[in-house]
Amino acid sequence: MEYLDADDEKAQMQLVDDNEKDACVYMHSTRWFNLQEHRGRQMSLCHVFALLRWHDAQQDSGPADELVEEGDEEDDVDMLG
């Protein structure tokens, strides 16, 4: 998260060069992401970043049911009917 929150590329590189920090992501191929292909590596890393951002947003917003505003459930039913 510290790497993602860095203000600029210089700050990111300082984190990477710091031997006290671990700025690596360890990934393994799956049936969804073939890490032997560039696109598979790119997509899997994007998913890792998205999960980190989602986790950060969850901590800022509180419980999930606070995100649903009053009346949203009725709108969903109307759209289906």
N, C-alpha and C. Protein backbone atom coordinates (compact mmCIF):
# COMPACT_ATOMS: atom_id res chain seq x y z
N MET A 1 0.82 -1.18 0.00
CA MET A 1 0.00 0.00 0.00
C MET A 1 0.87 1.25 0.00
N GLU A 2 1.97 1.20 0.70
CA GLU A 2 2.86 2.36 0.74
C GLU A 2 3.38 2.71 -0.66
N TYR A 3 3.68 1.69 -1.44
CA TYR A 3 4.14 1.90 -2.81
C TYR A 3 3.06 2.56 -3.65
N LEU A 4 1.83 2.08 -3.53
CA LEU A 4 0.71 2.64 -4.30
C LEU A 4 0.38 4.06 -3.87
N ASP A 5 0.59 4.36 -2.59
CA ASP A 5 0.26 5.68 -2.08
C ASP A 5 1.38 6.69 -2.26
N ALA A 6 2.51 6.26 -2.80
CA ALA A 6 3.63 7.18 -3.01
C ALA A 6 3.20 8.30 -3.96
N ASP A 7 3.74 9.50 -3.70
CA ASP A 7 3.35 10.68 -4.47
C ASP A 7 3.84 10.69 -5.90
N ASP A 8 4.99 10.08 -6.15
CA ASP A 8 5.56 10.10 -7.50
C ASP A 8 6.47 8.90 -7.70
N GLU A 9 7.00 8.80 -8.91
CA GLU A 9 7.86 7.66 -9.25
C GLU A 9 9.13 7.63 -8.40
N LYS A 10 9.66 8.81 -8.09
CA LYS A 10 10.87 8.88 -7.27
C LYS A 10 10.63 8.26 -5.89
N ALA A 11 9.50 8.59 -5.29
CA ALA A 11 9.15 8.03 -3.98
C ALA A 11 8.95 6.52 -4.07
N GLN A 12 8.37 6.05 -5.18
CA GLN A 12 8.19 4.61 -5.37
C GLN A 12 9.54 3.92 -5.48
N MET A 13 10.46 4.51 -6.23
CA MET A 13 11.79 3.90 -6.41
C MET A 13 12.56 3.88 -5.10
N GLN A 14 12.37 4.87 -4.24
CA GLN A 14 13.03 4.85 -2.93
C GLN A 14 12.53 3.66 -2.11
N LEU A 15 11.26 3.35 -2.21
CA LEU A 15 10.71 2.18 -1.51
C LEU A 15 11.27 0.88 -2.08
N VAL A 16 11.38 0.82 -3.40
CA VAL A 16 11.91 -0.38 -4.05
C VAL A 16 13.37 -0.60 -3.66
N ASP A 17 14.14 0.48 -3.60
CA ASP A 17 15.57 0.38 -3.29
C ASP A 17 15.86 0.17 -1.81
N ASP A 18 14.86 0.34 -0.94
CA ASP A 18 15.05 0.17 0.50
C ASP A 18 15.08 -1.32 0.83
N ASN A 19 16.24 -1.80 1.28
CA ASN A 19 16.40 -3.23 1.61
C ASN A 19 15.57 -3.66 2.80
N GLU A 20 15.08 -2.72 3.59
CA GLU A 20 14.27 -3.04 4.77
C GLU A 20 12.81 -3.33 4.38
N LYS A 21 12.43 -2.95 3.18
CA LYS A 21 11.03 -3.12 2.75
C LYS A 21 10.94 -4.19 1.67
N ASP A 22 9.79 -4.80 1.57
CA ASP A 22 9.54 -5.83 0.56
C ASP A 22 8.52 -5.28 -0.43
N ALA A 23 9.01 -4.80 -1.57
CA ALA A 23 8.13 -4.20 -2.58
C ALA A 23 7.87 -5.17 -3.72
N CYS A 24 7.85 -6.45 -3.44
CA CYS A 24 7.62 -7.46 -4.47
C CYS A 24 6.21 -8.03 -4.35
N VAL A 25 5.72 -8.49 -5.46
CA VAL A 25 4.45 -9.20 -5.50
C VAL A 25 4.75 -10.59 -6.01
N TYR A 26 4.38 -11.60 -5.27
CA TYR A 26 4.60 -12.98 -5.67
C TYR A 26 3.29 -13.53 -6.24
N MET A 27 3.33 -14.00 -7.49
CA MET A 27 2.13 -14.50 -8.14
C MET A 27 2.42 -15.87 -8.74
N HIS A 28 1.36 -16.64 -8.89
CA HIS A 28 1.45 -17.95 -9.51
C HIS A 28 0.40 -18.04 -10.60
N SER A 29 0.70 -18.74 -11.66
CA SER A 29 -0.27 -18.93 -12.75
C SER A 29 -1.49 -19.67 -12.25
N THR A 30 -2.62 -19.30 -12.79
CA THR A 30 -3.88 -20.00 -12.50
C THR A 30 -4.57 -20.27 -13.83
N ARG A 31 -5.70 -20.90 -13.80
CA ARG A 31 -6.41 -21.14 -15.05
C ARG A 31 -6.97 -19.84 -15.62
N TRP A 32 -7.07 -18.78 -14.80
CA TRP A 32 -7.57 -17.49 -15.27
C TRP A 32 -6.46 -16.57 -15.74
N PHE A 33 -5.27 -16.69 -15.13
CA PHE A 33 -4.16 -15.80 -15.45
C PHE A 33 -2.91 -16.61 -15.78
N ASN A 34 -2.56 -16.66 -17.06
CA ASN A 34 -1.37 -17.35 -17.50
C ASN A 34 -0.19 -16.37 -17.38
N LEU A 35 0.64 -16.56 -16.36
CA LEU A 35 1.73 -15.63 -16.11
C LEU A 35 2.88 -15.78 -17.08
N GLN A 36 2.81 -16.74 -17.97
CA GLN A 36 3.83 -16.86 -19.00
C GLN A 36 3.57 -15.89 -20.15
N GLU A 37 2.38 -15.31 -20.18
CA GLU A 37 2.03 -14.33 -21.20
C GLU A 37 1.98 -12.94 -20.58
N HIS A 38 2.42 -11.93 -21.35
CA HIS A 38 2.43 -10.56 -20.85
C HIS A 38 1.04 -10.12 -20.37
N ARG A 39 0.03 -10.40 -21.16
CA ARG A 39 -1.34 -9.97 -20.82
C ARG A 39 -1.80 -10.63 -19.51
N GLY A 40 -1.45 -11.88 -19.29
CA GLY A 40 -1.82 -12.56 -18.05
C GLY A 40 -1.17 -11.93 -16.84
N ARG A 41 0.10 -11.57 -16.96
CA ARG A 41 0.81 -10.91 -15.86
C ARG A 41 0.20 -9.54 -15.58
N GLN A 42 -0.08 -8.81 -16.63
CA GLN A 42 -0.64 -7.47 -16.49
C GLN A 42 -2.02 -7.53 -15.83
N MET A 43 -2.86 -8.42 -16.29
CA MET A 43 -4.22 -8.53 -15.73
C MET A 43 -4.19 -8.97 -14.28
N SER A 44 -3.33 -9.92 -13.94
CA SER A 44 -3.30 -10.40 -12.56
C SER A 44 -2.80 -9.31 -11.63
N LEU A 45 -1.81 -8.54 -12.04
CA LEU A 45 -1.32 -7.46 -11.20
C LEU A 45 -2.38 -6.36 -11.05
N CYS A 46 -3.12 -6.08 -12.09
CA CYS A 46 -4.21 -5.10 -12.00
C CYS A 46 -5.27 -5.56 -10.99
N HIS A 47 -5.54 -6.85 -10.96
CA HIS A 47 -6.50 -7.38 -10.00
C HIS A 47 -5.97 -7.24 -8.57
N VAL A 48 -4.68 -7.48 -8.37
CA VAL A 48 -4.09 -7.30 -7.04
C VAL A 48 -4.24 -5.85 -6.60
N PHE A 49 -3.92 -4.91 -7.49
CA PHE A 49 -4.05 -3.48 -7.17
C PHE A 49 -5.51 -3.12 -6.87
N ALA A 50 -6.43 -3.66 -7.64
CA ALA A 50 -7.85 -3.37 -7.42
C ALA A 50 -8.30 -3.89 -6.06
N LEU A 51 -7.84 -5.06 -5.66
CA LEU A 51 -8.18 -5.60 -4.35
C LEU A 51 -7.62 -4.74 -3.23
N LEU A 52 -6.41 -4.24 -3.40
CA LEU A 52 -5.82 -3.37 -2.39
C LEU A 52 -6.61 -2.07 -2.26
N ARG A 53 -6.99 -1.48 -3.38
CA ARG A 53 -7.78 -0.25 -3.36
C ARG A 53 -9.16 -0.51 -2.75
N TRP A 54 -9.79 -1.63 -3.10
CA TRP A 54 -11.09 -1.97 -2.53
C TRP A 54 -10.98 -2.12 -1.02
N HIS A 55 -9.96 -2.81 -0.56
CA HIS A 55 -9.75 -3.00 0.87
C HIS A 55 -9.59 -1.66 1.57
N ASP A 56 -8.82 -0.77 0.98
CA ASP A 56 -8.61 0.55 1.54
C ASP A 56 -9.92 1.32 1.61
N ALA A 57 -10.74 1.24 0.56
CA ALA A 57 -12.02 1.94 0.53
C ALA A 57 -12.97 1.38 1.58
N GLN A 58 -12.94 0.07 1.82
CA GLN A 58 -13.80 -0.55 2.81
C GLN A 58 -13.46 -0.05 4.21
N GLN A 59 -12.19 0.15 4.49
CA GLN A 59 -11.79 0.64 5.80
C GLN A 59 -12.25 2.08 6.00
N ASP A 60 -12.29 2.87 4.93
CA ASP A 60 -12.71 4.27 5.01
C ASP A 60 -14.22 4.42 5.14
N SER A 61 -14.99 3.50 4.55
CA SER A 61 -16.44 3.68 4.48
C SER A 61 -17.20 2.99 5.60
N GLY A 62 -16.63 2.02 6.25
CA GLY A 62 -17.34 1.31 7.31
C GLY A 62 -18.04 0.08 6.78
N PRO A 63 -19.04 -0.43 7.52
CA PRO A 63 -19.74 -1.65 7.12
C PRO A 63 -20.41 -1.51 5.76
N ALA A 64 -20.50 -2.62 5.07
CA ALA A 64 -21.03 -2.64 3.70
C ALA A 64 -22.47 -2.17 3.62
N ASP A 65 -23.30 -2.46 4.64
CA ASP A 65 -24.71 -2.07 4.54
C ASP A 65 -24.90 -0.56 4.68
N GLU A 66 -23.89 0.17 5.07
CA GLU A 66 -23.99 1.62 5.08
C GLU A 66 -23.89 2.19 3.66
N LEU A 67 -23.37 1.39 2.73
CA LEU A 67 -23.20 1.85 1.36
C LEU A 67 -24.51 1.83 0.58
N VAL A 68 -25.50 1.05 1.04
CA VAL A 68 -26.80 0.97 0.37
C VAL A 68 -27.69 2.06 0.94
N GLU A 69 -28.11 2.97 0.09
CA GLU A 69 -28.96 4.05 0.55
C GLU A 69 -30.41 3.61 0.55
N GLU A 70 -31.22 4.27 1.36
CA GLU A 70 -32.64 3.94 1.47
C GLU A 70 -33.31 4.09 0.11
N GLY A 71 -34.10 3.10 -0.28
CA GLY A 71 -34.80 3.15 -1.55
C GLY A 71 -34.08 2.46 -2.68
N ASP A 72 -32.82 2.12 -2.53
CA ASP A 72 -32.07 1.47 -3.60
C ASP A 72 -32.64 0.09 -3.92
N GLU A 73 -33.14 -0.61 -2.89
CA GLU A 73 -33.68 -1.95 -3.14
C GLU A 73 -34.89 -1.88 -4.05
N GLU A 74 -35.76 -0.86 -3.86
CA GLU A 74 -36.95 -0.73 -4.68
C GLU A 74 -36.58 -0.44 -6.13
N ASP A 75 -35.54 0.37 -6.35
CA ASP A 75 -35.11 0.68 -7.70
C ASP A 75 -34.66 -0.59 -8.42
N ASP A 76 -33.98 -1.48 -7.70
CA ASP A 76 -33.51 -2.72 -8.31
C ASP A 76 -34.70 -3.58 -8.74
N VAL A 77 -35.74 -3.65 -7.91
CA VAL A 77 -36.91 -4.46 -8.24
C VAL A 77 -37.63 -3.88 -9.44
N ASP A 78 -37.77 -2.53 -9.50
CA ASP A 78 -38.45 -1.89 -10.62
C ASP A 78 -37.73 -2.16 -11.92
N MET A 79 -36.41 -2.19 -11.90
CA MET A 79 -35.64 -2.43 -13.11
C MET A 79 -35.84 -3.84 -13.62
N LEU A 80 -36.09 -4.79 -12.71
CA LEU A 80 -36.28 -6.18 -13.12
C LEU A 80 -37.69 -6.42 -13.65
N GLY A 81 -38.67 -5.69 -13.16
CA GLY A 81 -40.05 -5.93 -13.50
C GLY A 81 -40.41 -5.27 -14.76
